[in-house]
Amino acid sequence: MEGDSVTLNADVTEIHEEYNTMLWRYGAKKYIIAEISRNYGIFSTYDDVPDGRFRDRLKLDDQTGSLTITNITTEHTGDYEVLIIGTKLTLKSFNVSVYARLPVPVISSNSSQCSSSSSNCSLVCSSVLNVSDVTLSWYKGISVLSSISVCDLSISLSLPLEVEYQDKNTYSCVLNNPISNQTTHLDINTLCHTCAGTTALMIYVCVY
């Protein structure tokens, strides 16, 4: 999740003499972002490449060689690897996916007027997105009624629903990605109501 920290473990319990060099590399161009070299007395992070996205975010463990990225953003999504050069050559790869924090979905009535004739209430759940890999769903209790998904689009998602005015079931709208979700519960009494002020005319007929 954006704002979190992630640690990439080199799987080295402790750096010994046999681990002469450890290189942390990022992306298809394999930018070196951190290095440990006993031969040359190097213990450094290189957070000015590429395009400064790692600036003030990299921490290198001097005992295990593990690399931590702090305050991570979606820009840090991608492939990482650590190359360990010593008595043998070891390469370990990582794929990091970073997800933006989700907004809370909004439920609104699809009609600006109350109804005195229709038995159904038209609703819509919506969310303005600037994130990827999300699904917007309507739930009735714990059962999914409908859903819509997007991968890499910055769009406004909306999903309609019709319920009866006197429906006593529990409905909720959920926006989720692979690691988190945001839920809004439907308050039928607030959003779905018939027109007030209707007068009933009653005629009594007396027979003598």
N, C-alpha and C. Protein backbone atom coordinates (compact mmCIF):
# COMPACT_ATOMS: atom_id res chain seq x y z
N MET A 1 0.84 -1.18 0.00
CA MET A 1 0.00 0.00 0.00
C MET A 1 0.89 1.25 0.00
N GLU A 2 0.48 2.27 -0.75
CA GLU A 2 1.25 3.52 -0.76
C GLU A 2 1.44 4.05 0.66
N GLY A 3 2.65 4.50 0.95
CA GLY A 3 2.96 5.03 2.27
C GLY A 3 3.56 4.01 3.21
N ASP A 4 3.45 2.72 2.87
CA ASP A 4 4.03 1.67 3.70
C ASP A 4 5.52 1.51 3.41
N SER A 5 6.14 0.60 4.17
CA SER A 5 7.54 0.22 3.92
C SER A 5 7.57 -1.25 3.52
N VAL A 6 8.47 -1.59 2.63
CA VAL A 6 8.63 -2.99 2.22
C VAL A 6 10.11 -3.36 2.33
N THR A 7 10.36 -4.54 2.88
CA THR A 7 11.73 -5.03 3.03
C THR A 7 11.95 -6.22 2.10
N LEU A 8 12.97 -6.12 1.28
CA LEU A 8 13.36 -7.21 0.39
C LEU A 8 14.52 -7.96 1.06
N ASN A 9 14.27 -9.20 1.41
CA ASN A 9 15.24 -9.97 2.18
C ASN A 9 16.23 -10.70 1.28
N ALA A 10 17.50 -10.51 1.59
CA ALA A 10 18.56 -11.17 0.83
C ALA A 10 18.73 -12.62 1.23
N ASP A 11 18.04 -13.05 2.31
CA ASP A 11 18.15 -14.41 2.84
C ASP A 11 19.57 -14.76 3.27
N VAL A 12 20.26 -13.76 3.80
CA VAL A 12 21.59 -13.97 4.38
C VAL A 12 21.46 -13.66 5.87
N THR A 13 21.69 -14.67 6.71
CA THR A 13 21.53 -14.47 8.15
C THR A 13 22.49 -13.42 8.67
N GLU A 14 23.72 -13.47 8.19
CA GLU A 14 24.73 -12.49 8.58
C GLU A 14 25.78 -12.43 7.49
N ILE A 15 26.23 -11.24 7.21
CA ILE A 15 27.21 -11.06 6.15
C ILE A 15 28.58 -11.52 6.64
N HIS A 16 29.13 -12.55 5.99
CA HIS A 16 30.44 -13.07 6.35
C HIS A 16 31.45 -12.71 5.26
N GLU A 17 32.67 -13.13 5.49
CA GLU A 17 33.74 -12.79 4.55
C GLU A 17 33.50 -13.39 3.16
N GLU A 18 32.77 -14.54 3.12
CA GLU A 18 32.56 -15.17 1.81
C GLU A 18 31.63 -14.37 0.91
N TYR A 19 30.84 -13.45 1.52
CA TYR A 19 30.00 -12.59 0.70
C TYR A 19 30.79 -11.31 0.42
N ASN A 20 31.55 -11.32 -0.68
CA ASN A 20 32.43 -10.18 -0.96
C ASN A 20 31.64 -8.97 -1.46
N THR A 21 30.61 -9.22 -2.26
CA THR A 21 29.85 -8.13 -2.87
C THR A 21 28.37 -8.48 -2.94
N MET A 22 27.52 -7.49 -2.62
CA MET A 22 26.07 -7.62 -2.81
C MET A 22 25.59 -6.39 -3.58
N LEU A 23 24.91 -6.65 -4.69
CA LEU A 23 24.40 -5.56 -5.53
C LEU A 23 22.88 -5.66 -5.60
N TRP A 24 22.19 -4.58 -5.20
CA TRP A 24 20.74 -4.48 -5.38
C TRP A 24 20.48 -3.71 -6.65
N ARG A 25 19.64 -4.31 -7.53
CA ARG A 25 19.38 -3.68 -8.83
C ARG A 25 17.86 -3.58 -9.06
N TYR A 26 17.48 -2.57 -9.85
CA TYR A 26 16.06 -2.27 -10.05
C TYR A 26 15.75 -2.07 -11.53
N GLY A 27 14.61 -2.60 -11.97
CA GLY A 27 14.07 -2.33 -13.29
C GLY A 27 14.73 -3.09 -14.42
N ALA A 28 14.17 -2.89 -15.62
CA ALA A 28 14.68 -3.58 -16.80
C ALA A 28 16.11 -3.17 -17.13
N LYS A 29 16.47 -1.93 -16.76
CA LYS A 29 17.83 -1.45 -17.03
C LYS A 29 18.80 -1.81 -15.92
N LYS A 30 18.28 -2.47 -14.87
CA LYS A 30 19.10 -2.96 -13.75
C LYS A 30 19.98 -1.86 -13.14
N TYR A 31 19.32 -0.77 -12.78
CA TYR A 31 20.00 0.31 -12.07
C TYR A 31 20.49 -0.22 -10.72
N ILE A 32 21.72 0.06 -10.38
CA ILE A 32 22.24 -0.32 -9.06
C ILE A 32 21.75 0.71 -8.05
N ILE A 33 20.96 0.25 -7.06
CA ILE A 33 20.40 1.16 -6.06
C ILE A 33 21.03 0.95 -4.67
N ALA A 34 21.78 -0.12 -4.50
CA ALA A 34 22.47 -0.34 -3.22
C ALA A 34 23.61 -1.32 -3.45
N GLU A 35 24.67 -1.18 -2.62
CA GLU A 35 25.86 -2.03 -2.81
C GLU A 35 26.60 -2.24 -1.50
N ILE A 36 27.02 -3.46 -1.30
CA ILE A 36 27.93 -3.79 -0.20
C ILE A 36 29.13 -4.48 -0.81
N SER A 37 30.32 -3.98 -0.56
CA SER A 37 31.54 -4.60 -1.07
C SER A 37 32.61 -4.58 0.02
N ARG A 38 32.94 -5.76 0.54
CA ARG A 38 33.97 -5.83 1.58
C ARG A 38 35.34 -5.50 1.02
N ASN A 39 35.63 -5.90 -0.20
CA ASN A 39 36.94 -5.65 -0.79
C ASN A 39 37.26 -4.16 -0.89
N TYR A 40 36.23 -3.36 -1.15
CA TYR A 40 36.46 -1.93 -1.35
C TYR A 40 35.86 -1.08 -0.23
N GLY A 41 35.37 -1.72 0.82
CA GLY A 41 34.82 -0.97 1.96
C GLY A 41 33.61 -0.15 1.61
N ILE A 42 32.75 -0.70 0.74
CA ILE A 42 31.57 0.04 0.29
C ILE A 42 30.33 -0.49 1.00
N PHE A 43 29.55 0.42 1.56
CA PHE A 43 28.24 0.12 2.13
C PHE A 43 27.36 1.32 1.83
N SER A 44 26.66 1.27 0.69
CA SER A 44 26.00 2.48 0.20
C SER A 44 24.67 2.18 -0.46
N THR A 45 23.76 3.19 -0.41
CA THR A 45 22.57 3.20 -1.24
C THR A 45 22.72 4.32 -2.26
N TYR A 46 22.19 4.09 -3.45
CA TYR A 46 22.28 5.07 -4.52
C TYR A 46 20.86 5.50 -4.87
N ASP A 47 20.33 6.43 -4.08
CA ASP A 47 18.93 6.78 -4.21
C ASP A 47 18.67 7.92 -5.19
N ASP A 48 19.65 8.29 -5.99
CA ASP A 48 19.44 9.35 -6.97
C ASP A 48 19.14 8.78 -8.35
N VAL A 49 19.03 7.46 -8.46
CA VAL A 49 18.70 6.84 -9.73
C VAL A 49 17.59 5.82 -9.50
N PRO A 50 16.68 5.60 -10.51
CA PRO A 50 16.47 6.47 -11.68
C PRO A 50 15.51 7.59 -11.33
N ASP A 51 15.68 8.70 -11.92
CA ASP A 51 14.88 9.92 -11.79
C ASP A 51 14.55 10.31 -10.36
N GLY A 52 15.40 9.93 -9.40
CA GLY A 52 15.25 10.38 -8.03
C GLY A 52 14.11 9.75 -7.26
N ARG A 53 13.46 8.72 -7.77
CA ARG A 53 12.28 8.16 -7.10
C ARG A 53 12.62 7.46 -5.79
N PHE A 54 13.90 7.11 -5.59
CA PHE A 54 14.29 6.43 -4.35
C PHE A 54 14.93 7.38 -3.34
N ARG A 55 14.96 8.65 -3.63
CA ARG A 55 15.65 9.60 -2.77
C ARG A 55 15.07 9.58 -1.35
N ASP A 56 15.96 9.40 -0.37
CA ASP A 56 15.60 9.38 1.06
C ASP A 56 14.64 8.25 1.41
N ARG A 57 14.64 7.17 0.62
CA ARG A 57 13.71 6.07 0.88
C ARG A 57 14.40 4.72 1.11
N LEU A 58 15.69 4.61 0.84
CA LEU A 58 16.37 3.32 0.91
C LEU A 58 17.16 3.15 2.21
N LYS A 59 17.01 1.96 2.82
CA LYS A 59 17.76 1.61 4.01
C LYS A 59 18.35 0.22 3.83
N LEU A 60 19.65 0.08 4.08
CA LEU A 60 20.37 -1.17 3.88
C LEU A 60 20.77 -1.74 5.23
N ASP A 61 20.42 -3.00 5.48
CA ASP A 61 20.75 -3.66 6.74
C ASP A 61 22.21 -4.09 6.71
N ASP A 62 23.01 -3.59 7.66
CA ASP A 62 24.45 -3.89 7.65
C ASP A 62 24.77 -5.29 8.15
N GLN A 63 23.76 -6.00 8.69
CA GLN A 63 23.98 -7.37 9.16
C GLN A 63 23.58 -8.41 8.11
N THR A 64 22.45 -8.19 7.45
CA THR A 64 21.94 -9.19 6.51
C THR A 64 21.98 -8.74 5.05
N GLY A 65 22.19 -7.45 4.82
CA GLY A 65 22.19 -6.93 3.45
C GLY A 65 20.80 -6.72 2.87
N SER A 66 19.75 -6.92 3.68
CA SER A 66 18.38 -6.72 3.20
C SER A 66 18.12 -5.24 2.92
N LEU A 67 17.26 -4.97 1.95
CA LEU A 67 16.98 -3.60 1.52
C LEU A 67 15.54 -3.23 1.86
N THR A 68 15.36 -2.07 2.50
CA THR A 68 14.03 -1.58 2.85
C THR A 68 13.74 -0.30 2.07
N ILE A 69 12.55 -0.25 1.45
CA ILE A 69 12.08 0.96 0.78
C ILE A 69 10.98 1.55 1.64
N THR A 70 11.17 2.78 2.12
CA THR A 70 10.21 3.43 3.00
C THR A 70 9.31 4.37 2.22
N ASN A 71 8.12 4.65 2.79
CA ASN A 71 7.16 5.58 2.18
C ASN A 71 6.99 5.28 0.69
N ILE A 72 6.68 4.03 0.40
CA ILE A 72 6.67 3.56 -0.98
C ILE A 72 5.49 4.16 -1.75
N THR A 73 5.66 4.36 -3.05
CA THR A 73 4.61 4.86 -3.93
C THR A 73 4.46 3.92 -5.12
N THR A 74 3.45 4.18 -5.96
CA THR A 74 3.23 3.34 -7.13
C THR A 74 4.40 3.41 -8.10
N GLU A 75 5.22 4.46 -8.01
CA GLU A 75 6.40 4.57 -8.87
C GLU A 75 7.43 3.49 -8.58
N HIS A 76 7.33 2.87 -7.41
CA HIS A 76 8.31 1.86 -7.03
C HIS A 76 7.88 0.45 -7.40
N THR A 77 6.73 0.35 -8.08
CA THR A 77 6.32 -0.95 -8.62
C THR A 77 7.34 -1.43 -9.64
N GLY A 78 7.65 -2.71 -9.62
CA GLY A 78 8.59 -3.23 -10.62
C GLY A 78 9.41 -4.39 -10.11
N ASP A 79 10.44 -4.74 -10.88
CA ASP A 79 11.31 -5.88 -10.59
C ASP A 79 12.59 -5.42 -9.89
N TYR A 80 12.94 -6.18 -8.86
CA TYR A 80 14.17 -5.95 -8.11
C TYR A 80 14.95 -7.26 -8.06
N GLU A 81 16.26 -7.14 -7.89
CA GLU A 81 17.07 -8.34 -7.71
C GLU A 81 18.29 -8.01 -6.87
N VAL A 82 18.79 -9.02 -6.16
CA VAL A 82 20.03 -8.88 -5.43
C VAL A 82 21.00 -9.93 -5.97
N LEU A 83 22.17 -9.46 -6.35
CA LEU A 83 23.24 -10.31 -6.85
C LEU A 83 24.30 -10.44 -5.75
N ILE A 84 24.51 -11.66 -5.27
CA ILE A 84 25.48 -11.91 -4.20
C ILE A 84 26.67 -12.63 -4.79
N ILE A 85 27.83 -11.98 -4.72
CA ILE A 85 29.05 -12.52 -5.31
C ILE A 85 30.01 -12.90 -4.20
N GLY A 86 30.40 -14.15 -4.17
CA GLY A 86 31.33 -14.64 -3.13
C GLY A 86 31.94 -15.94 -3.58
N THR A 87 31.95 -16.92 -2.68
CA THR A 87 32.46 -18.23 -3.05
C THR A 87 31.58 -18.86 -4.13
N LYS A 88 30.34 -18.41 -4.20
CA LYS A 88 29.45 -18.79 -5.29
C LYS A 88 28.62 -17.58 -5.69
N LEU A 89 27.97 -17.68 -6.84
CA LEU A 89 27.16 -16.57 -7.35
C LEU A 89 25.69 -16.88 -7.09
N THR A 90 25.00 -15.95 -6.40
CA THR A 90 23.59 -16.14 -6.08
C THR A 90 22.78 -14.96 -6.58
N LEU A 91 21.66 -15.26 -7.23
CA LEU A 91 20.78 -14.20 -7.72
C LEU A 91 19.37 -14.46 -7.20
N LYS A 92 18.78 -13.46 -6.56
CA LYS A 92 17.42 -13.58 -6.05
C LYS A 92 16.59 -12.42 -6.61
N SER A 93 15.40 -12.75 -7.14
CA SER A 93 14.56 -11.75 -7.79
C SER A 93 13.28 -11.50 -7.00
N PHE A 94 12.74 -10.28 -7.14
CA PHE A 94 11.51 -9.86 -6.47
C PHE A 94 10.65 -9.09 -7.46
N ASN A 95 9.34 -9.22 -7.32
CA ASN A 95 8.42 -8.36 -8.06
C ASN A 95 7.54 -7.63 -7.05
N VAL A 96 7.60 -6.32 -7.06
CA VAL A 96 6.88 -5.50 -6.08
C VAL A 96 5.71 -4.79 -6.77
N SER A 97 4.51 -4.97 -6.22
CA SER A 97 3.32 -4.26 -6.69
C SER A 97 2.86 -3.32 -5.58
N VAL A 98 2.67 -2.06 -5.92
CA VAL A 98 2.25 -1.05 -4.94
C VAL A 98 0.88 -0.53 -5.35
N TYR A 99 -0.06 -0.53 -4.40
CA TYR A 99 -1.42 -0.11 -4.67
C TYR A 99 -1.72 1.21 -3.96
N ALA A 100 -2.43 2.08 -4.68
CA ALA A 100 -2.85 3.36 -4.09
C ALA A 100 -3.96 3.10 -3.07
N ARG A 101 -4.11 4.01 -2.12
CA ARG A 101 -5.18 3.90 -1.13
C ARG A 101 -6.52 4.18 -1.81
N LEU A 102 -7.51 3.39 -1.44
CA LEU A 102 -8.80 3.45 -2.13
C LEU A 102 -9.70 4.53 -1.53
N PRO A 103 -10.46 5.23 -2.38
CA PRO A 103 -11.48 6.16 -1.87
C PRO A 103 -12.70 5.37 -1.39
N VAL A 104 -13.53 6.02 -0.58
CA VAL A 104 -14.77 5.40 -0.10
C VAL A 104 -15.84 5.58 -1.18
N PRO A 105 -16.49 4.49 -1.61
CA PRO A 105 -17.54 4.62 -2.63
C PRO A 105 -18.75 5.39 -2.10
N VAL A 106 -19.48 6.04 -3.00
CA VAL A 106 -20.62 6.87 -2.62
C VAL A 106 -21.90 6.27 -3.21
N ILE A 107 -22.91 6.11 -2.36
CA ILE A 107 -24.20 5.62 -2.80
C ILE A 107 -25.17 6.81 -2.89
N SER A 108 -25.85 6.92 -4.01
CA SER A 108 -26.83 8.01 -4.18
C SER A 108 -28.06 7.48 -4.90
N SER A 109 -29.14 8.24 -4.77
CA SER A 109 -30.37 7.89 -5.46
C SER A 109 -30.26 8.31 -6.92
N ASN A 110 -30.76 7.46 -7.80
CA ASN A 110 -30.70 7.77 -9.23
C ASN A 110 -31.81 8.71 -9.65
N SER A 111 -32.69 9.06 -8.72
CA SER A 111 -33.80 9.96 -9.01
C SER A 111 -33.81 11.08 -7.98
N SER A 112 -34.07 12.29 -8.45
CA SER A 112 -34.09 13.44 -7.54
C SER A 112 -35.46 13.61 -6.89
N GLN A 113 -36.44 12.81 -7.29
CA GLN A 113 -37.79 12.96 -6.76
C GLN A 113 -38.21 11.70 -6.03
N CYS A 114 -39.13 11.86 -5.12
CA CYS A 114 -39.70 10.70 -4.45
C CYS A 114 -40.69 10.02 -5.39
N SER A 115 -41.14 8.85 -5.00
CA SER A 115 -42.06 8.10 -5.85
C SER A 115 -43.33 7.75 -5.09
N SER A 116 -44.46 7.91 -5.76
CA SER A 116 -45.73 7.53 -5.16
C SER A 116 -46.35 6.34 -5.87
N SER A 117 -45.71 5.93 -6.99
CA SER A 117 -46.29 4.84 -7.78
C SER A 117 -45.34 3.65 -7.92
N SER A 118 -44.06 3.90 -8.17
CA SER A 118 -43.13 2.79 -8.38
C SER A 118 -42.85 2.06 -7.07
N SER A 119 -42.68 0.74 -7.19
CA SER A 119 -42.37 -0.06 -6.01
C SER A 119 -40.87 -0.23 -5.82
N ASN A 120 -40.09 0.21 -6.80
CA ASN A 120 -38.64 0.07 -6.74
C ASN A 120 -37.93 1.40 -6.59
N CYS A 121 -36.81 1.36 -5.90
CA CYS A 121 -35.95 2.54 -5.73
C CYS A 121 -34.68 2.34 -6.54
N SER A 122 -34.35 3.30 -7.41
CA SER A 122 -33.16 3.21 -8.26
C SER A 122 -31.98 3.89 -7.57
N LEU A 123 -30.88 3.16 -7.41
CA LEU A 123 -29.69 3.66 -6.74
C LEU A 123 -28.48 3.49 -7.64
N VAL A 124 -27.44 4.20 -7.32
CA VAL A 124 -26.17 4.02 -8.02
C VAL A 124 -25.03 4.19 -7.02
N CYS A 125 -24.04 3.31 -7.11
CA CYS A 125 -22.82 3.43 -6.31
C CYS A 125 -21.70 3.86 -7.24
N SER A 126 -20.94 4.85 -6.84
CA SER A 126 -19.90 5.38 -7.73
C SER A 126 -18.63 5.67 -6.96
N SER A 127 -17.54 5.75 -7.73
CA SER A 127 -16.24 6.09 -7.15
C SER A 127 -15.37 6.69 -8.23
N VAL A 128 -14.75 7.84 -7.93
CA VAL A 128 -13.81 8.47 -8.84
C VAL A 128 -12.44 7.88 -8.57
N LEU A 129 -11.84 7.31 -9.61
CA LEU A 129 -10.61 6.54 -9.43
C LEU A 129 -9.42 7.17 -10.11
N ASN A 130 -8.27 7.01 -9.48
CA ASN A 130 -6.99 7.28 -10.14
C ASN A 130 -6.05 6.15 -9.73
N VAL A 131 -6.63 4.95 -9.66
CA VAL A 131 -5.88 3.78 -9.19
C VAL A 131 -6.12 2.63 -10.16
N SER A 132 -5.38 1.54 -9.99
CA SER A 132 -5.49 0.41 -10.90
C SER A 132 -5.91 -0.84 -10.15
N ASP A 133 -6.35 -1.85 -10.94
CA ASP A 133 -6.71 -3.17 -10.41
C ASP A 133 -7.76 -3.09 -9.31
N VAL A 134 -8.92 -2.49 -9.63
CA VAL A 134 -9.97 -2.36 -8.63
C VAL A 134 -11.27 -2.97 -9.14
N THR A 135 -12.13 -3.36 -8.19
CA THR A 135 -13.45 -3.89 -8.49
C THR A 135 -14.48 -3.18 -7.62
N LEU A 136 -15.57 -2.74 -8.25
CA LEU A 136 -16.69 -2.12 -7.54
C LEU A 136 -17.84 -3.12 -7.57
N SER A 137 -18.41 -3.42 -6.38
CA SER A 137 -19.43 -4.47 -6.28
C SER A 137 -20.58 -4.06 -5.38
N TRP A 138 -21.78 -4.53 -5.74
CA TRP A 138 -22.94 -4.45 -4.86
C TRP A 138 -23.10 -5.78 -4.15
N TYR A 139 -23.32 -5.74 -2.83
CA TYR A 139 -23.56 -6.94 -2.04
C TYR A 139 -24.95 -6.89 -1.41
N LYS A 140 -25.60 -8.05 -1.40
CA LYS A 140 -26.81 -8.24 -0.62
C LYS A 140 -26.45 -9.22 0.49
N GLY A 141 -26.29 -8.69 1.69
CA GLY A 141 -25.72 -9.51 2.75
C GLY A 141 -24.26 -9.81 2.42
N ILE A 142 -23.95 -11.10 2.25
CA ILE A 142 -22.58 -11.49 1.88
C ILE A 142 -22.51 -11.99 0.44
N SER A 143 -23.62 -11.87 -0.30
CA SER A 143 -23.68 -12.35 -1.68
C SER A 143 -23.47 -11.20 -2.66
N VAL A 144 -22.65 -11.44 -3.69
CA VAL A 144 -22.39 -10.43 -4.71
C VAL A 144 -23.56 -10.37 -5.68
N LEU A 145 -24.13 -9.20 -5.87
CA LEU A 145 -25.22 -9.01 -6.83
C LEU A 145 -24.70 -8.62 -8.20
N SER A 146 -23.71 -7.73 -8.24
CA SER A 146 -23.13 -7.27 -9.50
C SER A 146 -21.77 -6.65 -9.21
N SER A 147 -20.93 -6.58 -10.23
CA SER A 147 -19.60 -5.98 -10.05
C SER A 147 -19.05 -5.51 -11.38
N ILE A 148 -18.09 -4.60 -11.30
CA ILE A 148 -17.39 -4.08 -12.47
C ILE A 148 -15.94 -3.86 -12.09
N SER A 149 -15.01 -4.19 -13.01
CA SER A 149 -13.58 -4.11 -12.70
C SER A 149 -12.85 -3.29 -13.75
N VAL A 150 -11.76 -2.64 -13.33
CA VAL A 150 -10.87 -1.94 -14.25
C VAL A 150 -9.43 -2.30 -13.89
N CYS A 151 -8.55 -2.23 -14.89
CA CYS A 151 -7.14 -2.57 -14.66
C CYS A 151 -6.28 -1.33 -14.51
N ASP A 152 -6.09 -0.58 -15.59
CA ASP A 152 -5.18 0.56 -15.54
C ASP A 152 -5.84 1.80 -16.14
N LEU A 153 -7.00 2.15 -15.62
CA LEU A 153 -7.73 3.31 -16.14
C LEU A 153 -7.98 4.31 -15.04
N SER A 154 -7.96 5.58 -15.41
CA SER A 154 -8.32 6.64 -14.47
C SER A 154 -9.71 7.13 -14.87
N ILE A 155 -10.73 6.49 -14.30
CA ILE A 155 -12.10 6.77 -14.73
C ILE A 155 -13.00 6.86 -13.50
N SER A 156 -14.25 7.20 -13.76
CA SER A 156 -15.27 7.18 -12.71
C SER A 156 -16.10 5.92 -12.90
N LEU A 157 -16.09 5.06 -11.89
CA LEU A 157 -16.85 3.81 -11.93
C LEU A 157 -18.23 4.03 -11.33
N SER A 158 -19.26 3.42 -11.90
CA SER A 158 -20.59 3.48 -11.32
C SER A 158 -21.30 2.16 -11.56
N LEU A 159 -22.17 1.81 -10.61
CA LEU A 159 -22.87 0.53 -10.67
C LEU A 159 -24.29 0.73 -10.14
N PRO A 160 -25.33 0.46 -10.97
CA PRO A 160 -26.72 0.70 -10.55
C PRO A 160 -27.28 -0.46 -9.73
N LEU A 161 -28.35 -0.16 -9.00
CA LEU A 161 -29.05 -1.17 -8.21
C LEU A 161 -30.49 -0.72 -8.01
N GLU A 162 -31.43 -1.65 -8.11
CA GLU A 162 -32.82 -1.37 -7.80
C GLU A 162 -33.28 -2.24 -6.65
N VAL A 163 -33.89 -1.60 -5.65
CA VAL A 163 -34.42 -2.32 -4.50
C VAL A 163 -35.85 -1.86 -4.24
N GLU A 164 -36.61 -2.69 -3.57
CA GLU A 164 -37.96 -2.31 -3.18
C GLU A 164 -37.91 -1.33 -2.01
N TYR A 165 -38.88 -0.43 -1.97
CA TYR A 165 -38.90 0.59 -0.93
C TYR A 165 -38.98 0.00 0.48
N GLN A 166 -39.65 -1.12 0.60
CA GLN A 166 -39.82 -1.73 1.92
C GLN A 166 -38.83 -2.88 2.16
N ASP A 167 -37.80 -2.94 1.33
CA ASP A 167 -36.81 -4.03 1.45
C ASP A 167 -36.08 -3.94 2.79
N LYS A 168 -36.03 -5.03 3.53
CA LYS A 168 -35.38 -5.05 4.84
C LYS A 168 -34.01 -5.71 4.79
N ASN A 169 -33.56 -6.10 3.59
CA ASN A 169 -32.24 -6.74 3.47
C ASN A 169 -31.12 -5.71 3.64
N THR A 170 -29.93 -6.21 3.91
CA THR A 170 -28.75 -5.35 4.08
C THR A 170 -27.98 -5.29 2.76
N TYR A 171 -27.76 -4.08 2.27
CA TYR A 171 -27.02 -3.88 1.03
C TYR A 171 -25.77 -3.04 1.32
N SER A 172 -24.72 -3.31 0.57
CA SER A 172 -23.50 -2.51 0.71
C SER A 172 -22.77 -2.46 -0.62
N CYS A 173 -22.02 -1.40 -0.79
CA CYS A 173 -21.20 -1.22 -1.99
C CYS A 173 -19.74 -1.29 -1.56
N VAL A 174 -18.96 -2.11 -2.26
CA VAL A 174 -17.57 -2.36 -1.86
C VAL A 174 -16.63 -2.06 -3.03
N LEU A 175 -15.60 -1.28 -2.74
CA LEU A 175 -14.52 -1.03 -3.70
C LEU A 175 -13.29 -1.74 -3.16
N ASN A 176 -12.70 -2.62 -3.96
CA ASN A 176 -11.55 -3.37 -3.45
C ASN A 176 -10.48 -3.58 -4.52
N ASN A 177 -9.25 -3.77 -4.04
CA ASN A 177 -8.14 -4.23 -4.87
C ASN A 177 -7.57 -5.48 -4.19
N PRO A 178 -6.49 -6.06 -4.69
CA PRO A 178 -6.00 -7.31 -4.10
C PRO A 178 -5.60 -7.24 -2.62
N ILE A 179 -5.40 -6.04 -2.04
CA ILE A 179 -4.92 -6.01 -0.67
C ILE A 179 -5.77 -5.18 0.28
N SER A 180 -6.81 -4.50 -0.21
CA SER A 180 -7.62 -3.67 0.70
C SER A 180 -9.00 -3.45 0.11
N ASN A 181 -9.90 -2.87 0.92
CA ASN A 181 -11.23 -2.55 0.43
C ASN A 181 -11.81 -1.37 1.21
N GLN A 182 -12.81 -0.73 0.61
CA GLN A 182 -13.60 0.32 1.24
C GLN A 182 -15.07 -0.01 1.04
N THR A 183 -15.85 0.09 2.12
CA THR A 183 -17.25 -0.32 2.07
C THR A 183 -18.18 0.81 2.52
N THR A 184 -19.28 0.98 1.79
CA THR A 184 -20.35 1.91 2.19
C THR A 184 -21.65 1.12 2.28
N HIS A 185 -22.33 1.22 3.42
CA HIS A 185 -23.58 0.50 3.62
C HIS A 185 -24.76 1.37 3.19
N LEU A 186 -25.75 0.72 2.58
CA LEU A 186 -26.93 1.43 2.10
C LEU A 186 -27.92 1.68 3.24
N ASP A 187 -28.32 2.93 3.37
CA ASP A 187 -29.40 3.31 4.30
C ASP A 187 -30.65 3.54 3.45
N ILE A 188 -31.48 2.51 3.34
CA ILE A 188 -32.67 2.59 2.48
C ILE A 188 -33.62 3.69 2.94
N ASN A 189 -33.78 3.85 4.24
CA ASN A 189 -34.72 4.84 4.76
C ASN A 189 -34.34 6.26 4.37
N THR A 190 -33.05 6.51 4.20
CA THR A 190 -32.59 7.85 3.85
C THR A 190 -32.70 8.13 2.36
N LEU A 191 -32.32 7.15 1.54
CA LEU A 191 -32.25 7.36 0.10
C LEU A 191 -33.50 6.94 -0.65
N CYS A 192 -34.28 6.05 -0.06
CA CYS A 192 -35.47 5.53 -0.74
C CYS A 192 -36.71 5.81 0.10
N HIS A 193 -37.55 6.71 -0.37
CA HIS A 193 -38.77 7.01 0.36
C HIS A 193 -39.86 7.44 -0.60
N THR A 194 -41.07 7.12 -0.28
CA THR A 194 -42.21 7.52 -1.10
C THR A 194 -42.59 8.96 -0.77
N CYS A 195 -43.40 9.55 -1.64
CA CYS A 195 -43.79 10.95 -1.45
C CYS A 195 -44.69 11.10 -0.23
N ALA A 196 -44.39 12.12 0.55
CA ALA A 196 -45.21 12.41 1.73
C ALA A 196 -46.36 13.34 1.34
N GLY A 197 -47.34 13.41 2.21
CA GLY A 197 -48.43 14.37 2.00
C GLY A 197 -49.57 13.86 1.15
N THR A 198 -49.62 12.55 0.87
CA THR A 198 -50.72 12.00 0.09
C THR A 198 -51.97 11.90 0.95
N THR A 199 -53.09 12.41 0.48
CA THR A 199 -54.35 12.42 1.26
C THR A 199 -55.30 11.35 0.73
N ALA A 200 -55.83 10.56 1.60
CA ALA A 200 -56.78 9.52 1.20
C ALA A 200 -58.20 10.04 1.39
N LEU A 201 -59.06 9.87 0.40
CA LEU A 201 -60.45 10.30 0.45
C LEU A 201 -61.33 9.09 0.76
N MET A 202 -62.08 9.17 1.83
CA MET A 202 -62.94 8.06 2.23
C MET A 202 -64.40 8.51 2.15
N ILE A 203 -65.26 7.72 1.51
CA ILE A 203 -66.67 8.03 1.35
C ILE A 203 -67.49 6.99 2.09
N TYR A 204 -68.35 7.46 2.97
CA TYR A 204 -69.23 6.58 3.73
C TYR A 204 -70.65 6.71 3.16
N VAL A 205 -71.26 5.62 2.92
CA VAL A 205 -72.65 5.63 2.41
C VAL A 205 -73.53 4.97 3.47
N CYS A 206 -74.53 5.72 3.89
CA CYS A 206 -75.46 5.19 4.90
C CYS A 206 -76.75 4.77 4.20
N VAL A 207 -77.21 3.60 4.53
CA VAL A 207 -78.44 3.07 3.96
C VAL A 207 -79.50 2.99 5.05
N TYR A 208 -80.63 3.60 4.78
CA TYR A 208 -81.74 3.59 5.75
C TYR A 208 -82.86 2.70 5.20
